[in-house]
Amino acid sequence: MRFGAFTLFLISVFSSAGLCQGVLSGRPRWDGVLTLEEAVQIALKESPFIRGAEAEWRAAQQRIFTALAERKFQSSLSVFSGTGRATPILSSPESVTPIHWTSGPGRSFSTVMVAGMWTLYSGRRLESLVDQARLLEKASQADKEAVRLRVALETRLAFRKALLAHELVTVAEAHLRALEELVRVDRERAQVGKIPEFWVLRSEAEMATAQQGLVSAKKDLEIALINLKALMGVHPDSSVSVKGDLASEKISLSRSQLLELALRERPEVLAASFRFQSHLKALSAAKALYRPQISLMVVTERMWGSGTVPSTNAFIGLVAAVPISDGGRRKSLIKEQELVSEKARYEQDQIILTVVAEVDAALRELEAAAQNVTTAQTALKAAEKEFRVATVRYEAGRSILVEYLDSLSSYVRAQTNLAVALYEQATAFDRLLKATGRLADARGILSR
């Protein structure tokens, strides 16, 4: 028993491994230097999320054809065969339409029936179901655009994260070079007795810390690129790097204009509207159950059996049906659809409130980030000037090592703060574009 369970475990492990290898082998490989727009375009083309959303959209398109089929001519072939003394009444399976009914002669017999049906009037029930399917297809298409918008945003954020990590690596490398030069000079100065020996030890300790910082920065860059490749949908072994500027463009529209644009362009708002309208069509279809249903029927039958003369019969005519009493089923169905429609309307209202909140939050983040960038730029200028002065004073022997190191640390910190501030401004810019639904096309939003 244990051996069998272990065997099944090994089979599942190897099957999973084979599946993973198959998934990876199907991923495209991309090597080279990427710009922001190139990364987004690759993600929009290769992302499994988007391909899944496209498959769902195509499935919604097929549901339209399914609804349309209910309005078209339908035909079926049924064969009945049996024996016995009873006089049976037989029916074809419900899944085959039109459904056939026949009665046997009470002994061995066989019957072949061909029937055709065309719905002439359904109280607009079938029309409402077709309209519902079309609205749901539009909602699915809007959902697909929402997924594209989300993938584009996540890719842009991951790309900017990689740009930030690359900038921090540059800062860490410059910091390490400055300390390596400091250690070299201090060793020469200590040999001739210009500075104490422990100053060299302190410089070497600072250099070791800077080396650790550089290793950590490079690790962060590698992880950022790994995450970027996963969002782009490319093979994990792809060798990519990023290029670009952390700085972002400026928004030219006011809050009211941004809100108007978001409520008009956001696919989530469109999808909620289409779903609400589809529920109204479902409600119309439910109310149509109270109206007559009229169909044109054509039936031909061939029967033969023991003790009977083979016969062929045909029938053509109209079939009209009106439900009289169903125990309250239609009434409950209509009430259910009314409540579902009400729920969809509330969901639409909530989505609108959420979109407005996203625009307001992104706008506030962008304003705050812009102020932080200005502050960081001012601080960097001051720190750079202070560092130059501290360097001159230290080389001239007019200051101690601690003053120089403090000035260098302030300068490196100011560079880091500016890079982070630019990154936060750029990501706030991306989130605002996504909140307006214009992440792929920002024309008319950016200031010239």
Protein backbone atom coordinates (compact mmCIF):
# COMPACT_ATOMS: atom_id res chain seq x y z
CA MET A 1 0.00 0.00 0.00
CA ARG A 2 2.82 2.33 0.96
CA PHE A 3 4.74 1.37 -2.17
CA GLY A 4 1.73 2.22 -4.33
CA ALA A 5 1.28 5.61 -2.66
CA PHE A 6 4.99 6.38 -3.09
CA THR A 7 4.78 5.41 -6.76
CA LEU A 8 1.84 7.76 -7.28
CA PHE A 9 3.79 10.50 -5.52
CA LEU A 10 6.78 10.04 -7.85
CA ILE A 11 4.50 10.03 -10.89
CA SER A 12 2.88 13.29 -9.77
CA VAL A 13 6.28 14.88 -9.11
CA PHE A 14 7.66 13.96 -12.53
CA SER A 15 4.41 14.98 -14.23
CA SER A 16 4.55 18.38 -12.53
CA ALA A 17 8.19 18.77 -13.51
CA GLY A 18 7.35 17.93 -17.12
CA LEU A 19 4.47 20.40 -17.09
CA CYS A 20 6.72 23.15 -15.74
CA GLN A 21 9.34 22.44 -18.39
CA GLY A 22 6.64 22.57 -21.05
CA VAL A 23 5.43 25.95 -19.80
CA LEU A 24 8.95 27.37 -19.74
CA SER A 25 9.81 26.01 -23.17
CA GLY A 26 6.80 27.86 -24.56
CA ARG A 27 7.95 31.19 -23.19
CA PRO A 28 9.83 33.45 -25.67
CA ARG A 29 13.40 34.43 -24.89
CA TRP A 30 14.31 38.10 -25.05
CA ASP A 31 17.90 39.34 -24.65
CA GLY A 32 19.06 42.93 -24.78
CA VAL A 33 18.51 46.39 -23.38
CA LEU A 34 14.89 47.38 -22.82
CA THR A 35 13.17 50.73 -22.81
CA LEU A 36 9.99 51.30 -20.85
CA GLU A 37 7.72 51.18 -23.87
CA GLU A 38 9.41 48.02 -25.22
CA ALA A 39 8.88 46.24 -21.90
CA VAL A 40 5.19 47.20 -21.84
CA GLN A 41 4.63 46.09 -25.44
CA ILE A 42 6.27 42.71 -24.80
CA ALA A 43 4.15 42.23 -21.66
CA LEU A 44 0.95 43.09 -23.53
CA LYS A 45 1.85 40.50 -26.15
CA GLU A 46 3.20 37.66 -23.99
CA SER A 47 1.52 37.95 -20.59
CA PRO A 48 -0.47 34.80 -19.67
CA PHE A 49 -2.95 37.02 -17.81
CA ILE A 50 -3.87 38.81 -21.03
CA ARG A 51 -4.06 35.59 -23.03
CA GLY A 52 -6.41 34.15 -20.43
CA ALA A 53 -8.60 37.27 -20.62
CA GLU A 54 -8.66 36.99 -24.42
CA ALA A 55 -9.78 33.35 -24.15
CA GLU A 56 -12.60 34.40 -21.83
CA TRP A 57 -13.63 37.11 -24.30
CA ARG A 58 -13.72 34.61 -27.17
CA ALA A 59 -15.84 32.31 -25.00
CA ALA A 60 -18.29 35.19 -24.48
CA GLN A 61 -18.45 35.65 -28.25
CA GLN A 62 -19.42 32.00 -28.63
CA ARG A 63 -22.23 32.48 -26.12
CA ILE A 64 -23.74 35.00 -28.54
CA PHE A 65 -23.89 32.30 -31.24
CA THR A 66 -25.44 29.93 -28.70
CA ALA A 67 -28.19 32.47 -27.97
CA LEU A 68 -28.73 33.15 -31.67
CA ALA A 69 -29.11 29.43 -32.34
CA GLU A 70 -32.27 29.38 -30.24
CA ARG A 71 -33.94 31.62 -32.82
CA LYS A 72 -32.97 29.51 -35.83
CA PHE A 73 -34.55 26.44 -37.41
CA GLN A 74 -33.80 23.26 -35.44
CA SER A 75 -34.25 19.65 -36.50
CA SER A 76 -33.61 16.24 -35.00
CA LEU A 77 -33.81 12.53 -35.82
CA SER A 78 -35.06 9.96 -33.30
CA VAL A 79 -35.36 6.19 -33.52
CA PHE A 80 -37.67 4.25 -31.17
CA SER A 81 -37.63 0.46 -31.02
CA GLY A 82 -39.06 -1.94 -28.46
CA THR A 83 -41.30 -4.86 -27.61
CA GLY A 84 -43.90 -5.69 -24.95
CA ARG A 85 -47.57 -5.96 -24.23
CA ALA A 86 -48.03 -2.46 -22.76
CA THR A 87 -48.79 0.59 -24.85
CA PRO A 88 -45.81 2.84 -24.02
CA ILE A 89 -45.47 6.57 -24.54
CA LEU A 90 -41.84 7.30 -25.29
CA SER A 91 -39.87 10.55 -25.42
CA SER A 92 -36.51 11.40 -26.90
CA PRO A 93 -33.81 12.83 -24.56
CA GLU A 94 -34.35 16.42 -23.44
CA SER A 95 -30.89 17.39 -24.70
CA VAL A 96 -32.02 16.74 -28.29
CA THR A 97 -34.38 19.35 -29.70
CA PRO A 98 -37.02 19.25 -30.99
CA ILE A 99 -38.14 16.56 -28.51
CA HIS A 100 -40.00 13.60 -30.08
CA TRP A 101 -42.95 11.75 -28.55
CA THR A 102 -44.44 8.50 -29.79
CA SER A 103 -46.70 5.71 -28.57
CA GLY A 104 -46.08 2.06 -29.35
CA PRO A 105 -48.70 -0.43 -30.55
CA GLY A 106 -48.17 -2.76 -27.57
CA ARG A 107 -45.92 -5.28 -29.37
CA SER A 108 -42.62 -5.25 -31.22
CA PHE A 109 -42.24 -2.08 -33.23
CA SER A 110 -39.75 0.46 -34.60
CA THR A 111 -40.28 4.11 -35.38
CA VAL A 112 -38.12 6.69 -37.12
CA MET A 113 -39.08 10.32 -36.66
CA VAL A 114 -37.66 13.48 -38.17
CA ALA A 115 -38.89 16.78 -36.76
CA GLY A 116 -38.14 20.42 -37.40
CA MET A 117 -39.08 23.45 -35.32
CA TRP A 118 -38.84 27.17 -35.88
CA THR A 119 -39.74 29.60 -33.12
CA LEU A 120 -41.97 32.30 -34.57
CA TYR A 121 -42.76 34.24 -31.40
CA SER A 122 -41.31 34.02 -27.91
CA GLY A 123 -42.63 37.21 -26.35
CA ARG A 124 -39.16 38.69 -27.05
CA ARG A 125 -37.61 36.21 -24.62
CA LEU A 126 -35.09 34.89 -27.15
CA GLU A 127 -34.32 38.42 -28.37
CA SER A 128 -33.64 39.49 -24.79
CA LEU A 129 -31.32 36.52 -24.26
CA VAL A 130 -29.38 37.42 -27.42
CA ASP A 131 -29.09 41.04 -26.25
CA GLN A 132 -27.92 39.81 -22.86
CA ALA A 133 -25.21 37.66 -24.46
CA ARG A 134 -24.02 40.60 -26.56
CA LEU A 135 -23.83 42.87 -23.51
CA LEU A 136 -21.91 40.22 -21.59
CA GLU A 137 -19.52 39.93 -24.53
CA LYS A 138 -18.91 43.68 -24.32
CA ALA A 139 -18.39 43.36 -20.58
CA SER A 140 -15.87 40.55 -21.16
CA GLN A 141 -14.06 42.70 -23.71
CA ALA A 142 -13.92 45.53 -21.15
CA ASP A 143 -12.58 43.02 -18.61
CA LYS A 144 -9.86 42.11 -21.09
CA GLU A 145 -8.92 45.78 -21.43
CA ALA A 146 -8.88 46.07 -17.63
CA VAL A 147 -6.41 43.17 -17.48
CA ARG A 148 -4.26 44.84 -20.16
CA LEU A 149 -4.34 48.05 -18.16
CA ARG A 150 -3.31 46.24 -14.97
CA VAL A 151 -0.51 44.32 -16.71
CA ALA A 152 0.76 47.55 -18.30
CA LEU A 153 0.80 49.28 -14.91
CA GLU A 154 2.55 46.41 -13.13
CA THR A 155 5.12 46.20 -15.91
CA ARG A 156 5.81 49.93 -15.76
CA LEU A 157 6.17 49.78 -11.98
CA ALA A 158 8.52 46.79 -12.22
CA PHE A 159 10.55 48.54 -14.93
CA ARG A 160 10.86 51.69 -12.83
CA LYS A 161 11.85 49.52 -9.85
CA ALA A 162 14.64 48.09 -11.98
CA LEU A 163 15.67 51.61 -13.04
CA LEU A 164 15.80 52.66 -9.39
CA ALA A 165 17.86 49.61 -8.49
CA HIS A 166 20.22 50.36 -11.38
CA GLU A 167 20.60 53.96 -10.19
CA LEU A 168 21.30 52.81 -6.63
CA VAL A 169 23.97 50.45 -7.97
CA THR A 170 25.57 53.43 -9.71
CA VAL A 171 25.48 55.42 -6.46
CA ALA A 172 26.94 52.49 -4.51
CA GLU A 173 29.73 52.05 -7.06
CA ALA A 174 30.63 55.75 -6.88
CA HIS A 175 30.57 55.55 -3.08
CA LEU A 176 32.91 52.54 -3.11
CA ARG A 177 35.31 54.22 -5.57
CA ALA A 178 35.49 57.30 -3.35
CA LEU A 179 36.31 55.17 -0.30
CA GLU A 180 38.86 53.08 -2.23
CA GLU A 181 40.62 56.29 -3.24
CA LEU A 182 40.40 57.50 0.36
CA VAL A 183 42.02 54.30 1.67
CA ARG A 184 44.80 54.53 -0.91
CA VAL A 185 45.58 58.16 -0.06
CA ASP A 186 45.30 57.58 3.70
CA ARG A 187 47.74 54.69 3.56
CA GLU A 188 50.29 56.89 1.82
CA ARG A 189 49.72 59.71 4.29
CA ALA A 190 49.94 57.35 7.28
CA GLN A 191 53.28 56.00 6.03
CA VAL A 192 54.80 59.48 6.16
CA GLY A 193 53.15 60.25 9.50
CA LYS A 194 50.66 62.86 8.32
CA ILE A 195 47.63 61.05 9.82
CA PRO A 196 47.22 58.47 12.61
CA GLU A 197 47.24 54.80 11.67
CA PHE A 198 43.74 54.21 13.11
CA TRP A 199 42.33 56.63 10.53
CA VAL A 200 43.35 54.12 7.87
CA LEU A 201 41.59 51.35 9.78
CA ARG A 202 38.44 53.47 9.95
CA SER A 203 38.64 54.16 6.21
CA GLU A 204 39.05 50.45 5.50
CA ALA A 205 36.03 49.65 7.68
CA GLU A 206 33.95 52.20 5.77
CA MET A 207 35.15 50.69 2.48
CA ALA A 208 34.10 47.21 3.61
CA THR A 209 30.65 48.54 4.52
CA ALA A 210 30.40 50.17 1.10
CA GLN A 211 31.34 46.87 -0.56
CA GLN A 212 28.50 45.18 1.31
CA GLY A 213 26.16 47.95 0.22
CA LEU A 214 27.17 47.43 -3.42
CA VAL A 215 26.54 43.68 -3.20
CA SER A 216 23.11 44.35 -1.71
CA ALA A 217 22.31 46.92 -4.43
CA LYS A 218 23.30 44.48 -7.18
CA LYS A 219 21.15 41.80 -5.56
CA ASP A 220 18.18 44.18 -5.53
CA LEU A 221 18.77 44.91 -9.22
CA GLU A 222 18.84 41.22 -10.10
CA ILE A 223 15.61 40.58 -8.19
CA ALA A 224 13.97 43.58 -9.88
CA LEU A 225 14.91 42.19 -13.31
CA ILE A 226 13.61 38.73 -12.33
CA ASN A 227 10.25 40.23 -11.38
CA LEU A 228 10.20 42.30 -14.56
CA LYS A 229 10.77 39.22 -16.75
CA ALA A 230 7.97 37.37 -14.96
CA LEU A 231 5.53 40.22 -15.58
CA MET A 232 6.60 40.47 -19.20
CA GLY A 233 5.91 36.76 -19.70
CA VAL A 234 9.34 35.98 -21.18
CA HIS A 235 11.62 33.03 -20.39
CA PRO A 236 13.33 33.31 -16.98
CA ASP A 237 16.72 32.74 -18.62
CA SER A 238 16.35 35.87 -20.74
CA SER A 239 19.19 38.32 -20.27
CA VAL A 240 17.65 41.77 -20.06
CA SER A 241 18.77 45.13 -18.79
CA VAL A 242 16.96 48.46 -18.60
CA LYS A 243 17.70 51.95 -19.77
CA GLY A 244 15.85 55.18 -19.31
CA ASP A 245 15.32 58.12 -17.02
CA LEU A 246 13.60 57.98 -13.65
CA ALA A 247 12.04 61.40 -14.24
CA SER A 248 8.42 61.46 -15.44
CA GLU A 249 6.34 63.91 -17.44
CA LYS A 250 3.78 66.32 -16.04
CA ILE A 251 -0.01 66.21 -16.11
CA SER A 252 -1.78 69.10 -17.84
CA LEU A 253 -5.41 68.35 -16.86
CA SER A 254 -7.29 69.49 -13.78
CA ARG A 255 -8.90 67.14 -11.27
CA SER A 256 -12.36 67.54 -12.79
CA GLN A 257 -11.01 66.80 -16.27
CA LEU A 258 -9.15 63.73 -15.00
CA LEU A 259 -12.29 62.43 -13.28
CA GLU A 260 -14.36 62.97 -16.40
CA LEU A 261 -11.77 61.13 -18.45
CA ALA A 262 -11.57 58.24 -15.96
CA LEU A 263 -15.34 57.72 -15.82
CA ARG A 264 -15.41 57.70 -19.61
CA GLU A 265 -12.34 55.56 -20.30
CA ARG A 266 -11.90 53.10 -17.43
CA PRO A 267 -12.82 49.60 -18.67
CA GLU A 268 -14.02 48.60 -15.19
CA VAL A 269 -16.73 51.27 -15.37
CA LEU A 270 -17.72 50.12 -18.86
CA ALA A 271 -17.81 46.47 -17.79
CA ALA A 272 -20.03 47.26 -14.79
CA SER A 273 -22.39 49.25 -17.02
CA PHE A 274 -22.66 46.43 -19.56
CA ARG A 275 -23.29 43.86 -16.82
CA PHE A 276 -26.03 45.99 -15.30
CA GLN A 277 -27.69 46.29 -18.72
CA SER A 278 -27.33 42.53 -19.25
CA HIS A 279 -29.21 41.86 -16.02
CA LEU A 280 -32.00 44.12 -17.23
CA LYS A 281 -32.18 42.01 -20.40
CA ALA A 282 -32.34 38.86 -18.27
CA LEU A 283 -35.22 40.46 -16.39
CA SER A 284 -37.00 41.12 -19.68
CA ALA A 285 -36.49 37.49 -20.69
CA ALA A 286 -38.01 36.35 -17.39
CA LYS A 287 -41.06 38.58 -17.86
CA ALA A 288 -41.52 37.17 -21.37
CA LEU A 289 -42.35 33.80 -19.83
CA TYR A 290 -45.85 35.17 -19.20
CA ARG A 291 -46.39 35.69 -22.93
CA PRO A 292 -47.40 33.03 -25.51
CA GLN A 293 -44.73 30.93 -27.20
CA ILE A 294 -45.50 30.08 -30.84
CA SER A 295 -43.50 27.67 -33.02
CA LEU A 296 -43.82 26.14 -36.48
CA MET A 297 -43.51 22.35 -36.33
CA VAL A 298 -42.82 19.87 -39.16
CA VAL A 299 -42.86 16.14 -38.30
CA THR A 300 -42.56 13.01 -40.43
CA GLU A 301 -42.74 9.49 -39.03
CA ARG A 302 -42.13 5.97 -40.35
CA MET A 303 -43.41 3.07 -38.17
CA TRP A 304 -43.34 -0.69 -38.66
CA GLY A 305 -43.64 -3.72 -36.43
CA SER A 306 -45.09 -7.21 -35.93
CA GLY A 307 -48.71 -7.46 -36.86
CA THR A 308 -48.88 -3.98 -38.32
CA VAL A 309 -48.69 -2.48 -41.76
CA PRO A 310 -45.74 -0.12 -42.19
CA SER A 311 -46.99 3.43 -42.32
CA THR A 312 -45.62 6.90 -43.01
CA ASN A 313 -47.19 9.99 -41.51
CA ALA A 314 -46.39 13.69 -41.74
CA PHE A 315 -47.52 16.76 -39.88
CA ILE A 316 -47.04 20.52 -40.25
CA GLY A 317 -48.64 23.15 -38.09
CA LEU A 318 -48.38 25.82 -35.47
CA VAL A 319 -47.87 25.08 -31.80
CA ALA A 320 -48.88 27.78 -29.32
CA ALA A 321 -48.43 27.45 -25.58
CA VAL A 322 -49.31 29.76 -22.69
CA PRO A 323 -48.36 28.85 -19.13
CA ILE A 324 -51.28 29.10 -16.71
CA SER A 325 -49.91 28.06 -13.34
CA ASP A 326 -46.37 27.06 -12.42
CA GLY A 327 -46.53 27.27 -8.63
CA GLY A 328 -45.02 30.75 -8.55
CA ARG A 329 -41.81 29.81 -10.39
CA ARG A 330 -41.98 32.69 -12.90
CA LYS A 331 -42.85 35.19 -10.20
CA SER A 332 -39.88 34.09 -8.11
CA LEU A 333 -37.61 34.16 -11.16
CA ILE A 334 -38.62 37.74 -11.97
CA LYS A 335 -38.09 38.81 -8.36
CA GLU A 336 -34.69 37.15 -8.38
CA GLN A 337 -33.66 38.99 -11.56
CA GLU A 338 -34.88 42.29 -10.11
CA LEU A 339 -32.70 41.79 -7.03
CA VAL A 340 -29.73 40.69 -9.14
CA SER A 341 -30.15 43.83 -11.29
CA GLU A 342 -30.30 45.96 -8.16
CA LYS A 343 -27.10 44.35 -6.89
CA ALA A 344 -25.41 45.02 -10.25
CA ARG A 345 -26.44 48.67 -10.07
CA TYR A 346 -24.93 49.00 -6.58
CA GLU A 347 -21.74 47.32 -7.80
CA GLN A 348 -21.59 49.82 -10.65
CA ASP A 349 -21.94 52.68 -8.15
CA GLN A 350 -19.16 51.20 -6.00
CA ILE A 351 -16.83 50.86 -8.98
CA ILE A 352 -17.42 54.51 -9.88
CA LEU A 353 -16.62 55.55 -6.30
CA THR A 354 -13.49 53.39 -6.38
CA VAL A 355 -12.31 54.92 -9.65
CA VAL A 356 -12.83 58.44 -8.29
CA ALA A 357 -10.87 57.48 -5.16
CA GLU A 358 -8.04 56.04 -7.29
CA VAL A 359 -7.78 59.25 -9.30
CA ASP A 360 -7.80 61.44 -6.17
CA ALA A 361 -5.25 59.25 -4.37
CA ALA A 362 -2.92 59.10 -7.38
CA LEU A 363 -3.22 62.86 -7.85
CA ARG A 364 -2.31 63.50 -4.20
CA GLU A 365 0.61 61.06 -4.44
CA LEU A 366 1.88 62.80 -7.56
CA GLU A 367 1.65 66.25 -5.95
CA ALA A 368 3.47 65.06 -2.82
CA ALA A 369 6.10 63.25 -4.89
CA ALA A 370 6.74 66.39 -6.95
CA GLN A 371 7.37 68.36 -3.76
CA ASN A 372 9.70 65.65 -2.48
CA VAL A 373 11.67 65.74 -5.74
CA THR A 374 12.17 69.50 -5.41
CA THR A 375 13.31 69.09 -1.79
CA ALA A 376 15.63 66.22 -2.69
CA GLN A 377 17.19 68.20 -5.54
CA THR A 378 17.87 71.13 -3.20
CA ALA A 379 19.33 68.80 -0.57
CA LEU A 380 21.57 67.14 -3.17
CA LYS A 381 23.00 70.48 -4.31
CA ALA A 382 23.78 71.42 -0.73
CA ALA A 383 25.30 68.01 0.06
CA GLU A 384 27.41 68.08 -3.10
CA LYS A 385 28.76 71.51 -2.26
CA GLU A 386 29.48 70.46 1.31
CA PHE A 387 31.27 67.33 0.12
CA ARG A 388 33.51 69.31 -2.23
CA VAL A 389 34.44 71.66 0.61
CA ALA A 390 35.02 68.74 2.99
CA THR A 391 37.25 67.03 0.42
CA VAL A 392 39.40 70.10 -0.02
CA ARG A 393 39.68 70.61 3.75
CA TYR A 394 40.58 66.97 4.39
CA GLU A 395 43.20 66.83 1.64
CA ALA A 396 44.71 70.02 3.00
CA GLY A 397 44.85 68.51 6.47
CA ARG A 398 42.43 71.03 7.97
CA SER A 399 39.75 68.55 9.06
CA ILE A 400 39.58 65.11 10.60
CA LEU A 401 38.49 61.89 8.92
CA VAL A 402 35.11 61.78 10.63
CA GLU A 403 34.10 65.11 9.11
CA TYR A 404 34.98 63.87 5.63
CA LEU A 405 33.15 60.58 6.11
CA ASP A 406 30.07 62.35 7.44
CA SER A 407 30.07 64.64 4.43
CA LEU A 408 30.49 61.69 2.04
CA SER A 409 27.65 59.80 3.73
CA SER A 410 25.40 62.86 3.48
CA TYR A 411 26.21 63.19 -0.21
CA VAL A 412 25.47 59.50 -0.90
CA ARG A 413 22.27 59.71 1.13
CA ALA A 414 21.17 62.78 -0.83
CA GLN A 415 21.78 60.95 -4.12
CA THR A 416 19.77 57.99 -2.87
CA ASN A 417 16.94 60.20 -1.65
CA LEU A 418 16.69 61.95 -5.01
CA ALA A 419 16.60 58.64 -6.86
CA VAL A 420 13.85 57.35 -4.57
CA ALA A 421 11.90 60.61 -4.88
CA LEU A 422 12.09 60.45 -8.69
CA TYR A 423 10.99 56.81 -8.57
CA GLU A 424 8.00 57.65 -6.36
CA GLN A 425 7.05 60.52 -8.66
CA ALA A 426 7.24 58.27 -11.72
CA THR A 427 5.18 55.50 -10.10
CA ALA A 428 2.57 58.03 -8.93
CA PHE A 429 2.45 59.32 -12.51
CA ASP A 430 1.88 55.77 -13.79
CA ARG A 431 -0.86 55.12 -11.25
CA LEU A 432 -2.62 58.33 -12.23
CA LEU A 433 -2.50 57.38 -15.90
CA LYS A 434 -3.89 53.94 -15.02
CA ALA A 435 -6.62 55.55 -12.88
CA THR A 436 -7.74 57.57 -15.91
CA GLY A 437 -7.65 54.53 -18.19
CA ARG A 438 -5.11 56.17 -20.52
CA LEU A 439 -1.94 54.29 -19.56
CA ALA A 440 -1.36 53.12 -23.13
CA ASP A 441 -2.22 56.47 -24.73
CA ALA A 442 -1.46 59.57 -22.63
CA ARG A 443 -2.05 62.06 -25.43
CA GLY A 444 -4.14 64.97 -24.24
CA ILE A 445 -3.07 64.44 -20.61
CA LEU A 446 0.60 65.40 -20.64
CA SER A 447 1.72 68.99 -20.57
CA ARG A 448 3.79 70.15 -23.50
